[in-house]
């Protein structure tokens, strides 16, 4: 594991690789494409019973981010 400047360079390299991969999976080639198509790239689904461990979970603030 690298530290200092080498560690920062490696972290940026990892982030760049992940960003390139994610953009490729979304079918966009540039940040401008991503900004232009942003919201249309996100698929939303209706909440289901699988999102909450029990009926009162939502009221307790638990729910995996589904509202």
N, C-alpha and C. Protein backbone atom coordinates (compact mmCIF):
# COMPACT_ATOMS: atom_id res chain seq x y z
N UNK A 1 0.85 -1.17 0.00
CA UNK A 1 0.00 0.00 0.00
C UNK A 1 0.89 1.23 0.00
N UNK A 2 0.57 2.18 -0.87
CA UNK A 2 1.38 3.38 -0.99
C UNK A 2 0.82 4.50 -0.13
N UNK A 3 1.72 5.37 0.34
CA UNK A 3 1.31 6.53 1.10
C UNK A 3 1.86 7.78 0.44
N UNK A 4 1.57 8.93 1.02
CA UNK A 4 2.08 10.19 0.49
C UNK A 4 1.59 10.48 -0.91
N UNK A 5 2.44 11.12 -1.72
CA UNK A 5 2.08 11.49 -3.09
C UNK A 5 1.74 10.27 -3.92
N UNK A 6 2.47 9.19 -3.74
CA UNK A 6 2.20 7.97 -4.49
C UNK A 6 0.81 7.41 -4.16
N UNK A 7 0.43 7.51 -2.90
CA UNK A 7 -0.90 7.05 -2.49
C UNK A 7 -2.01 7.88 -3.09
N UNK A 8 -1.80 9.19 -3.13
CA UNK A 8 -2.79 10.08 -3.73
C UNK A 8 -2.90 9.81 -5.23
N UNK A 9 -1.75 9.65 -5.89
CA UNK A 9 -1.76 9.34 -7.32
C UNK A 9 -2.50 8.03 -7.58
N UNK A 10 -2.27 7.03 -6.76
CA UNK A 10 -2.94 5.74 -6.93
C UNK A 10 -4.44 5.87 -6.69
N UNK A 11 -4.83 6.64 -5.68
CA UNK A 11 -6.25 6.84 -5.40
C UNK A 11 -6.94 7.51 -6.59
N UNK A 12 -6.31 8.52 -7.18
CA UNK A 12 -6.88 9.17 -8.35
C UNK A 12 -6.96 8.21 -9.54
N UNK A 13 -5.95 7.37 -9.69
CA UNK A 13 -5.97 6.39 -10.77
C UNK A 13 -7.14 5.42 -10.60
N UNK A 14 -7.36 4.96 -9.39
CA UNK A 14 -8.48 4.06 -9.11
C UNK A 14 -9.81 4.75 -9.40
N UNK A 15 -9.96 5.99 -8.92
CA UNK A 15 -11.20 6.73 -9.15
C UNK A 15 -11.44 6.96 -10.64
N UNK A 16 -10.39 7.27 -11.39
CA UNK A 16 -10.52 7.50 -12.83
C UNK A 16 -10.96 6.22 -13.54
N UNK A 17 -10.38 5.10 -13.16
CA UNK A 17 -10.76 3.82 -13.74
C UNK A 17 -12.22 3.51 -13.46
N UNK A 18 -12.66 3.74 -12.23
CA UNK A 18 -14.06 3.50 -11.86
C UNK A 18 -15.00 4.43 -12.61
N UNK A 19 -14.62 5.69 -12.75
CA UNK A 19 -15.45 6.65 -13.48
C UNK A 19 -15.55 6.24 -14.95
N UNK A 20 -14.43 5.89 -15.56
CA UNK A 20 -14.45 5.45 -16.96
C UNK A 20 -15.32 4.22 -17.14
N UNK A 21 -15.22 3.27 -16.22
CA UNK A 21 -16.03 2.05 -16.30
C UNK A 21 -17.52 2.37 -16.17
N UNK A 22 -17.86 3.19 -15.18
CA UNK A 22 -19.27 3.54 -14.96
C UNK A 22 -19.84 4.29 -16.16
N UNK A 23 -19.07 5.22 -16.70
CA UNK A 23 -19.54 5.97 -17.86
C UNK A 23 -19.72 5.05 -19.06
N UNK A 24 -18.83 4.10 -19.24
CA UNK A 24 -18.97 3.14 -20.33
C UNK A 24 -20.22 2.29 -20.17
N UNK A 25 -20.51 1.86 -18.94
CA UNK A 25 -21.71 1.07 -18.69
C UNK A 25 -22.98 1.88 -18.92
N UNK A 26 -22.90 3.19 -18.70
CA UNK A 26 -24.04 4.06 -18.93
C UNK A 26 -24.17 4.47 -20.39
N UNK A 27 -23.13 4.22 -21.16
CA UNK A 27 -23.17 4.56 -22.58
C UNK A 27 -22.86 6.01 -22.88
N UNK A 28 -22.11 6.65 -22.00
CA UNK A 28 -21.70 8.03 -22.25
C UNK A 28 -20.18 8.08 -22.35
N UNK A 29 -19.69 8.99 -23.20
CA UNK A 29 -18.25 9.05 -23.43
C UNK A 29 -17.55 10.21 -22.76
N UNK A 30 -18.32 11.23 -22.39
CA UNK A 30 -17.73 12.42 -21.78
C UNK A 30 -18.57 12.87 -20.59
N UNK A 31 -17.96 13.72 -19.77
CA UNK A 31 -18.68 14.30 -18.64
C UNK A 31 -19.85 15.15 -19.17
N UNK A 32 -19.64 15.84 -20.28
CA UNK A 32 -20.72 16.64 -20.87
C UNK A 32 -21.91 15.76 -21.24
N UNK A 33 -21.64 14.58 -21.84
CA UNK A 33 -22.72 13.64 -22.15
C UNK A 33 -23.44 13.21 -20.88
N UNK A 34 -22.68 12.96 -19.85
CA UNK A 34 -23.25 12.53 -18.58
C UNK A 34 -24.15 13.62 -18.00
N UNK A 35 -23.68 14.88 -18.05
CA UNK A 35 -24.48 15.99 -17.54
C UNK A 35 -25.75 16.16 -18.36
N UNK A 36 -25.64 16.03 -19.67
CA UNK A 36 -26.80 16.23 -20.54
C UNK A 36 -27.86 15.15 -20.35
N UNK A 37 -27.42 13.92 -20.14
CA UNK A 37 -28.36 12.80 -20.05
C UNK A 37 -28.62 12.35 -18.63
N UNK A 38 -27.94 12.93 -17.67
CA UNK A 38 -27.95 12.52 -16.28
C UNK A 38 -29.21 11.88 -15.75
N UNK A 39 -30.26 12.66 -15.62
CA UNK A 39 -31.49 12.15 -15.00
C UNK A 39 -32.12 11.01 -15.78
N UNK A 40 -31.98 11.03 -17.09
CA UNK A 40 -32.59 9.97 -17.91
C UNK A 40 -31.84 8.65 -17.78
N UNK A 41 -30.66 8.66 -17.21
CA UNK A 41 -29.87 7.44 -17.06
C UNK A 41 -30.26 6.65 -15.82
N UNK A 42 -30.99 7.28 -14.90
CA UNK A 42 -31.36 6.63 -13.65
C UNK A 42 -32.73 5.99 -13.81
N UNK A 43 -32.77 4.69 -13.58
CA UNK A 43 -34.04 3.98 -13.63
C UNK A 43 -34.62 3.94 -12.22
N UNK A 44 -35.87 4.30 -12.10
CA UNK A 44 -36.52 4.28 -10.79
C UNK A 44 -37.58 3.19 -10.79
N UNK A 45 -37.76 2.61 -9.64
CA UNK A 45 -38.77 1.57 -9.51
C UNK A 45 -39.65 1.91 -8.32
N UNK A 46 -40.78 1.26 -8.27
CA UNK A 46 -41.70 1.45 -7.16
C UNK A 46 -41.15 0.71 -5.93
N UNK A 47 -41.38 1.25 -4.74
CA UNK A 47 -40.96 0.54 -3.52
C UNK A 47 -41.67 -0.81 -3.42
N UNK A 48 -41.00 -1.76 -2.82
CA UNK A 48 -41.61 -3.06 -2.61
C UNK A 48 -41.41 -3.48 -1.16
N UNK A 49 -42.07 -4.54 -0.78
CA UNK A 49 -41.96 -5.03 0.59
C UNK A 49 -40.53 -5.48 0.91
N UNK A 50 -39.74 -5.78 -0.10
CA UNK A 50 -38.35 -6.19 0.14
C UNK A 50 -37.49 -5.03 0.61
N UNK A 51 -37.95 -3.80 0.42
CA UNK A 51 -37.15 -2.64 0.82
C UNK A 51 -37.15 -2.43 2.33
N UNK A 52 -38.10 -3.00 3.04
CA UNK A 52 -38.23 -2.78 4.48
C UNK A 52 -38.33 -4.13 5.19
N UNK A 53 -37.60 -4.31 6.29
CA UNK A 53 -37.64 -5.59 6.99
C UNK A 53 -38.98 -5.86 7.67
N UNK A 54 -39.72 -4.81 8.00
CA UNK A 54 -41.05 -4.99 8.59
C UNK A 54 -41.86 -3.73 8.31
N UNK A 55 -43.15 -3.77 8.64
CA UNK A 55 -44.04 -2.65 8.29
C UNK A 55 -43.66 -1.34 8.95
N UNK A 56 -43.08 -1.35 10.13
CA UNK A 56 -42.75 -0.12 10.85
C UNK A 56 -41.34 0.38 10.56
N UNK A 57 -40.60 -0.30 9.71
CA UNK A 57 -39.20 0.09 9.46
C UNK A 57 -39.09 1.48 8.87
N UNK A 58 -39.97 1.83 7.95
CA UNK A 58 -39.92 3.15 7.34
C UNK A 58 -40.08 4.24 8.40
N UNK A 59 -41.03 4.07 9.30
CA UNK A 59 -41.25 5.05 10.35
C UNK A 59 -40.05 5.18 11.28
N UNK A 60 -39.30 4.11 11.45
CA UNK A 60 -38.10 4.15 12.30
C UNK A 60 -36.90 4.70 11.56
N UNK A 61 -37.06 5.03 10.27
CA UNK A 61 -35.96 5.60 9.51
C UNK A 61 -35.12 4.59 8.78
N UNK A 62 -35.56 3.34 8.73
CA UNK A 62 -34.81 2.30 8.05
C UNK A 62 -35.50 1.99 6.72
N UNK A 63 -34.73 1.77 5.66
CA UNK A 63 -35.40 1.37 4.44
C UNK A 63 -34.56 1.39 3.19
N UNK A 64 -33.26 1.40 3.30
CA UNK A 64 -32.44 1.27 2.10
C UNK A 64 -32.57 2.41 1.12
N UNK A 65 -32.99 3.58 1.57
CA UNK A 65 -33.04 4.73 0.69
C UNK A 65 -34.28 4.84 -0.17
N UNK A 66 -35.19 3.90 -0.06
CA UNK A 66 -36.42 3.95 -0.85
C UNK A 66 -37.48 4.68 -0.04
N UNK A 67 -38.10 5.67 -0.63
CA UNK A 67 -39.14 6.43 0.07
C UNK A 67 -40.47 6.15 -0.61
